[in-house]
Amino acid sequence: TEPALVTTTTTTQPENVLPDPCGAESAAIRAAIDNGIEGARDLALIEECRLAAADMSWALVQVGPRPGTDFAALTVMVQGGGGAWAVVDQGTVEVGCGTAPQQVLVDLGVFCTGTGGDA
């Protein structure tokens, strides 16, 4: 009898997909959120984290409730680097508007409404 063929497959993650988009700064960003937002330490999960390409000292973080909690989902803008980050804005809409530089907002997909005119 002939030996059976054994095939193996290896699954690798594409290089452009990072398992942790805020990389080495993730723990410090989490600490800033835990210290800057009431209840976040025990009730919230970080669902998404993006660093601005134009200035990686800015990040936008989506925070949601841990299962079984009533923490309200929100968006958090943090600024820092080198392991020291701080919450600079939080909310559900226009987070970072009037705080972060325009190119940072563009990079992070934040759309700010203008003050408009009379209309």
N, C-alpha and C. Protein backbone atom coordinates (compact mmCIF):
# COMPACT_ATOMS: atom_id res chain seq x y z
N THR A 1 0.84 -1.19 0.00
CA THR A 1 0.00 0.00 0.00
C THR A 1 0.88 1.24 0.00
N GLU A 2 0.33 2.29 -0.58
CA GLU A 2 1.05 3.57 -0.62
C GLU A 2 0.71 4.39 0.62
N PRO A 3 1.70 5.16 1.09
CA PRO A 3 1.39 6.00 2.26
C PRO A 3 0.37 7.09 1.89
N ALA A 4 -0.46 7.42 2.83
CA ALA A 4 -1.47 8.47 2.61
C ALA A 4 -0.78 9.83 2.52
N LEU A 5 -1.30 10.66 1.65
CA LEU A 5 -0.78 12.02 1.54
C LEU A 5 -1.34 12.86 2.69
N VAL A 6 -0.48 13.61 3.28
CA VAL A 6 -0.89 14.50 4.36
C VAL A 6 -0.70 15.92 3.88
N THR A 7 -1.75 16.69 3.94
CA THR A 7 -1.64 18.10 3.55
C THR A 7 -1.89 18.95 4.78
N THR A 8 -1.14 19.99 4.86
CA THR A 8 -1.34 20.93 5.97
C THR A 8 -1.58 22.30 5.38
N THR A 9 -2.37 23.06 6.07
CA THR A 9 -2.60 24.44 5.64
C THR A 9 -2.21 25.36 6.78
N THR A 10 -1.70 26.47 6.41
CA THR A 10 -1.31 27.47 7.39
C THR A 10 -2.08 28.74 7.10
N THR A 11 -2.69 29.29 8.11
CA THR A 11 -3.42 30.53 7.96
C THR A 11 -2.59 31.65 8.57
N THR A 12 -2.32 32.65 7.77
CA THR A 12 -1.59 33.81 8.28
C THR A 12 -2.44 35.04 8.08
N GLN A 13 -2.25 35.98 8.95
CA GLN A 13 -2.99 37.22 8.86
C GLN A 13 -2.28 38.14 7.87
N PRO A 14 -3.03 38.81 6.98
CA PRO A 14 -2.38 39.74 6.05
C PRO A 14 -1.57 40.80 6.81
N GLU A 15 -0.49 41.24 6.20
CA GLU A 15 0.39 42.20 6.87
C GLU A 15 -0.29 43.51 7.20
N ASN A 16 -1.27 43.92 6.37
CA ASN A 16 -1.91 45.21 6.59
C ASN A 16 -3.02 45.17 7.64
N VAL A 17 -3.31 44.00 8.19
CA VAL A 17 -4.33 43.88 9.21
C VAL A 17 -3.64 43.61 10.53
N LEU A 18 -3.70 44.56 11.42
CA LEU A 18 -3.05 44.41 12.71
C LEU A 18 -4.06 43.87 13.71
N PRO A 19 -3.65 42.91 14.55
CA PRO A 19 -4.58 42.40 15.55
C PRO A 19 -4.91 43.46 16.59
N ASP A 20 -4.05 44.44 16.72
CA ASP A 20 -4.24 45.50 17.70
C ASP A 20 -3.86 46.81 17.02
N PRO A 21 -4.83 47.54 16.48
CA PRO A 21 -4.51 48.71 15.67
C PRO A 21 -3.76 49.83 16.38
N CYS A 22 -3.80 49.87 17.69
CA CYS A 22 -3.05 50.89 18.40
C CYS A 22 -1.75 50.34 18.94
N GLY A 23 -1.42 49.13 18.56
CA GLY A 23 -0.12 48.54 18.81
C GLY A 23 0.42 48.71 20.21
N ALA A 24 1.66 49.14 20.28
CA ALA A 24 2.37 49.26 21.55
C ALA A 24 1.71 50.27 22.49
N GLU A 25 0.90 51.16 21.96
CA GLU A 25 0.26 52.19 22.80
C GLU A 25 -1.07 51.73 23.39
N SER A 26 -1.52 50.53 23.03
CA SER A 26 -2.85 50.08 23.46
C SER A 26 -3.04 50.08 24.97
N ALA A 27 -2.09 49.57 25.71
CA ALA A 27 -2.24 49.51 27.18
C ALA A 27 -2.31 50.92 27.78
N ALA A 28 -1.50 51.83 27.28
CA ALA A 28 -1.51 53.20 27.80
C ALA A 28 -2.80 53.92 27.41
N ILE A 29 -3.30 53.65 26.20
CA ILE A 29 -4.58 54.24 25.78
C ILE A 29 -5.70 53.70 26.65
N ARG A 30 -5.68 52.40 26.93
CA ARG A 30 -6.70 51.80 27.80
C ARG A 30 -6.64 52.44 29.19
N ALA A 31 -5.44 52.65 29.73
CA ALA A 31 -5.29 53.26 31.04
C ALA A 31 -5.86 54.68 31.05
N ALA A 32 -5.62 55.43 29.98
CA ALA A 32 -6.17 56.79 29.90
C ALA A 32 -7.69 56.77 29.91
N ILE A 33 -8.27 55.82 29.19
CA ILE A 33 -9.73 55.72 29.16
C ILE A 33 -10.26 55.30 30.54
N ASP A 34 -9.61 54.31 31.14
CA ASP A 34 -10.04 53.86 32.48
C ASP A 34 -9.96 54.99 33.50
N ASN A 35 -8.93 55.83 33.40
CA ASN A 35 -8.77 56.94 34.34
C ASN A 35 -9.61 58.16 33.99
N GLY A 36 -9.96 58.31 32.70
CA GLY A 36 -10.65 59.52 32.27
C GLY A 36 -12.15 59.40 32.09
N ILE A 37 -12.67 58.18 32.13
CA ILE A 37 -14.10 58.00 31.91
C ILE A 37 -14.68 57.16 33.05
N GLU A 38 -15.61 57.74 33.75
CA GLU A 38 -16.20 57.08 34.90
C GLU A 38 -16.82 55.74 34.52
N GLY A 39 -16.45 54.70 35.24
CA GLY A 39 -17.01 53.38 35.05
C GLY A 39 -16.35 52.54 33.97
N ALA A 40 -15.48 53.14 33.16
CA ALA A 40 -14.90 52.42 32.03
C ALA A 40 -14.07 51.22 32.47
N ARG A 41 -13.32 51.36 33.53
CA ARG A 41 -12.44 50.28 33.98
C ARG A 41 -13.20 48.97 34.17
N ASP A 42 -14.36 49.03 34.78
CA ASP A 42 -15.10 47.81 35.11
C ASP A 42 -16.20 47.47 34.11
N LEU A 43 -16.70 48.47 33.40
CA LEU A 43 -17.89 48.24 32.58
C LEU A 43 -17.67 48.26 31.07
N ALA A 44 -16.52 48.76 30.60
CA ALA A 44 -16.36 49.01 29.17
C ALA A 44 -15.29 48.13 28.52
N LEU A 45 -15.50 47.88 27.24
CA LEU A 45 -14.54 47.21 26.37
C LEU A 45 -14.11 48.16 25.28
N ILE A 46 -12.86 48.07 24.85
CA ILE A 46 -12.44 48.83 23.68
C ILE A 46 -12.77 47.98 22.46
N GLU A 47 -13.64 48.52 21.61
CA GLU A 47 -14.09 47.78 20.44
C GLU A 47 -13.26 48.09 19.21
N GLU A 48 -12.72 49.30 19.15
CA GLU A 48 -11.92 49.71 18.00
C GLU A 48 -10.99 50.83 18.44
N CYS A 49 -9.81 50.86 17.85
CA CYS A 49 -8.83 51.90 18.16
C CYS A 49 -8.10 52.23 16.87
N ARG A 50 -8.06 53.50 16.52
CA ARG A 50 -7.36 53.93 15.30
C ARG A 50 -6.44 55.09 15.61
N LEU A 51 -5.22 54.98 15.11
CA LEU A 51 -4.26 56.08 15.21
C LEU A 51 -4.36 56.92 13.94
N ALA A 52 -4.23 58.23 14.08
CA ALA A 52 -4.25 59.12 12.92
C ALA A 52 -2.93 58.98 12.15
N ALA A 53 -3.02 58.80 10.85
CA ALA A 53 -1.81 58.66 10.03
C ALA A 53 -1.01 59.95 10.00
N ALA A 54 -1.69 61.09 9.99
CA ALA A 54 -1.02 62.39 9.90
C ALA A 54 -0.24 62.73 11.16
N ASP A 55 -0.72 62.24 12.29
CA ASP A 55 -0.09 62.54 13.57
C ASP A 55 -0.48 61.43 14.54
N MET A 56 0.42 60.47 14.71
CA MET A 56 0.10 59.29 15.51
C MET A 56 0.05 59.55 17.01
N SER A 57 0.07 60.83 17.39
CA SER A 57 -0.14 61.16 18.80
C SER A 57 -1.63 61.35 19.09
N TRP A 58 -2.47 61.10 18.09
CA TRP A 58 -3.92 61.19 18.24
C TRP A 58 -4.53 59.84 17.92
N ALA A 59 -5.54 59.43 18.69
CA ALA A 59 -6.25 58.19 18.42
C ALA A 59 -7.73 58.38 18.71
N LEU A 60 -8.53 57.63 17.96
CA LEU A 60 -9.97 57.60 18.16
C LEU A 60 -10.33 56.19 18.59
N VAL A 61 -11.06 56.08 19.70
CA VAL A 61 -11.36 54.78 20.28
C VAL A 61 -12.87 54.63 20.43
N GLN A 62 -13.38 53.48 19.98
CA GLN A 62 -14.79 53.15 20.18
C GLN A 62 -14.87 52.28 21.43
N VAL A 63 -15.66 52.71 22.39
CA VAL A 63 -15.80 52.01 23.66
C VAL A 63 -17.23 51.53 23.78
N GLY A 64 -17.39 50.27 24.14
CA GLY A 64 -18.72 49.70 24.30
C GLY A 64 -18.85 48.98 25.63
N PRO A 65 -20.05 48.52 25.93
CA PRO A 65 -20.28 47.86 27.22
C PRO A 65 -19.74 46.43 27.25
N ARG A 66 -19.24 46.04 28.41
CA ARG A 66 -18.92 44.62 28.63
C ARG A 66 -20.26 43.89 28.66
N PRO A 67 -20.30 42.63 28.27
CA PRO A 67 -21.56 41.88 28.32
C PRO A 67 -22.18 41.94 29.72
N GLY A 68 -23.48 42.20 29.74
CA GLY A 68 -24.20 42.24 31.00
C GLY A 68 -24.13 43.56 31.74
N THR A 69 -23.50 44.59 31.13
CA THR A 69 -23.44 45.89 31.80
C THR A 69 -24.29 46.89 31.02
N ASP A 70 -24.54 48.02 31.63
CA ASP A 70 -25.34 49.05 30.97
C ASP A 70 -24.50 50.27 30.61
N PHE A 71 -23.19 50.07 30.42
CA PHE A 71 -22.31 51.17 30.01
C PHE A 71 -22.74 51.65 28.63
N ALA A 72 -22.91 52.95 28.46
CA ALA A 72 -23.34 53.50 27.18
C ALA A 72 -22.14 53.60 26.23
N ALA A 73 -22.30 53.07 25.02
CA ALA A 73 -21.24 53.13 24.02
C ALA A 73 -20.90 54.59 23.72
N LEU A 74 -19.61 54.85 23.50
CA LEU A 74 -19.20 56.19 23.16
C LEU A 74 -17.88 56.17 22.39
N THR A 75 -17.60 57.30 21.79
CA THR A 75 -16.35 57.50 21.06
C THR A 75 -15.46 58.38 21.91
N VAL A 76 -14.17 58.03 21.96
CA VAL A 76 -13.23 58.77 22.80
C VAL A 76 -12.04 59.20 21.95
N MET A 77 -11.67 60.47 22.04
CA MET A 77 -10.47 61.00 21.38
C MET A 77 -9.40 61.12 22.46
N VAL A 78 -8.26 60.50 22.18
CA VAL A 78 -7.14 60.58 23.12
C VAL A 78 -5.93 61.16 22.40
N GLN A 79 -5.05 61.78 23.18
CA GLN A 79 -3.81 62.32 22.62
C GLN A 79 -2.67 61.95 23.54
N GLY A 80 -1.53 61.68 22.96
CA GLY A 80 -0.36 61.36 23.76
C GLY A 80 0.68 60.63 22.95
N GLY A 81 1.32 59.67 23.60
CA GLY A 81 2.36 58.87 22.98
C GLY A 81 3.40 58.50 24.01
N GLY A 82 4.24 57.58 23.64
CA GLY A 82 5.30 57.17 24.54
C GLY A 82 4.78 56.59 25.85
N GLY A 83 3.59 56.00 25.80
CA GLY A 83 3.03 55.39 27.00
C GLY A 83 2.24 56.32 27.89
N ALA A 84 2.06 57.58 27.49
CA ALA A 84 1.30 58.55 28.29
C ALA A 84 0.23 59.19 27.41
N TRP A 85 -1.01 58.80 27.63
CA TRP A 85 -2.14 59.30 26.85
C TRP A 85 -3.15 59.93 27.78
N ALA A 86 -3.98 60.82 27.22
CA ALA A 86 -5.04 61.46 28.00
C ALA A 86 -6.29 61.59 27.14
N VAL A 87 -7.44 61.46 27.76
CA VAL A 87 -8.71 61.69 27.08
C VAL A 87 -8.86 63.18 26.85
N VAL A 88 -9.11 63.59 25.60
CA VAL A 88 -9.30 65.00 25.30
C VAL A 88 -10.74 65.32 24.91
N ASP A 89 -11.51 64.29 24.52
CA ASP A 89 -12.91 64.51 24.19
C ASP A 89 -13.61 63.15 24.19
N GLN A 90 -14.92 63.18 24.42
CA GLN A 90 -15.72 61.96 24.39
C GLN A 90 -17.14 62.31 24.07
N GLY A 91 -17.87 61.37 23.52
CA GLY A 91 -19.27 61.59 23.19
C GLY A 91 -19.74 60.60 22.16
N THR A 92 -20.80 61.00 21.44
CA THR A 92 -21.35 60.11 20.41
C THR A 92 -21.27 60.71 19.02
N VAL A 93 -21.15 62.01 18.91
CA VAL A 93 -21.03 62.66 17.60
C VAL A 93 -19.98 63.77 17.67
N GLU A 94 -19.33 64.02 16.56
CA GLU A 94 -18.37 65.12 16.42
C GLU A 94 -17.29 65.11 17.51
N VAL A 95 -16.87 63.93 17.93
CA VAL A 95 -15.84 63.81 18.96
C VAL A 95 -14.50 64.27 18.38
N GLY A 96 -13.88 65.21 19.03
CA GLY A 96 -12.61 65.76 18.58
C GLY A 96 -12.75 67.05 17.80
N CYS A 97 -13.96 67.39 17.38
CA CYS A 97 -14.18 68.63 16.63
C CYS A 97 -13.84 69.82 17.53
N GLY A 98 -13.04 70.73 17.01
CA GLY A 98 -12.62 71.88 17.78
C GLY A 98 -11.47 71.57 18.73
N THR A 99 -11.02 70.32 18.75
CA THR A 99 -9.93 69.91 19.62
C THR A 99 -8.74 69.41 18.82
N ALA A 100 -8.99 68.46 17.94
CA ALA A 100 -7.91 67.85 17.14
C ALA A 100 -7.70 68.63 15.85
N PRO A 101 -6.48 68.60 15.31
CA PRO A 101 -6.21 69.25 14.02
C PRO A 101 -7.07 68.65 12.90
N GLN A 102 -7.35 69.46 11.89
CA GLN A 102 -8.23 69.05 10.80
C GLN A 102 -7.75 67.76 10.13
N GLN A 103 -6.47 67.62 9.82
CA GLN A 103 -6.00 66.42 9.13
C GLN A 103 -6.15 65.19 10.00
N VAL A 104 -6.01 65.33 11.30
CA VAL A 104 -6.23 64.21 12.22
C VAL A 104 -7.69 63.77 12.15
N LEU A 105 -8.59 64.74 12.15
CA LEU A 105 -10.02 64.42 12.07
C LEU A 105 -10.33 63.69 10.77
N VAL A 106 -9.75 64.15 9.67
CA VAL A 106 -9.96 63.50 8.37
C VAL A 106 -9.45 62.06 8.42
N ASP A 107 -8.23 61.88 8.92
CA ASP A 107 -7.64 60.54 9.02
C ASP A 107 -8.52 59.59 9.83
N LEU A 108 -9.12 60.10 10.89
CA LEU A 108 -9.89 59.26 11.79
C LEU A 108 -11.36 59.15 11.39
N GLY A 109 -11.75 59.80 10.30
CA GLY A 109 -13.12 59.71 9.82
C GLY A 109 -14.12 60.47 10.65
N VAL A 110 -13.68 61.54 11.30
CA VAL A 110 -14.58 62.37 12.09
C VAL A 110 -15.08 63.51 11.21
N PHE A 111 -16.39 63.65 11.15
CA PHE A 111 -16.98 64.72 10.36
C PHE A 111 -17.58 65.75 11.30
N CYS A 112 -17.11 66.98 11.13
CA CYS A 112 -17.56 68.07 11.98
C CYS A 112 -18.44 69.01 11.17
N THR A 113 -19.53 69.45 11.76
CA THR A 113 -20.39 70.42 11.08
C THR A 113 -19.85 71.81 11.41
N GLY A 114 -19.93 72.67 10.44
CA GLY A 114 -19.48 74.05 10.65
C GLY A 114 -20.48 74.84 11.45
N THR A 115 -20.10 76.03 11.80
CA THR A 115 -21.02 76.89 12.55
C THR A 115 -22.08 77.45 11.62
N GLY A 116 -21.83 77.35 10.31
CA GLY A 116 -22.84 77.80 9.35
C GLY A 116 -23.01 79.30 9.35
N GLY A 117 -24.03 79.74 8.68
CA GLY A 117 -24.32 81.17 8.63
C GLY A 117 -25.65 81.40 9.31
N ASP A 118 -26.48 82.15 8.64
CA ASP A 118 -27.79 82.45 9.19
C ASP A 118 -28.78 81.31 8.98
N ALA A 119 -28.48 80.45 8.01
CA ALA A 119 -29.45 79.40 7.65
C ALA A 119 -29.38 78.22 8.57
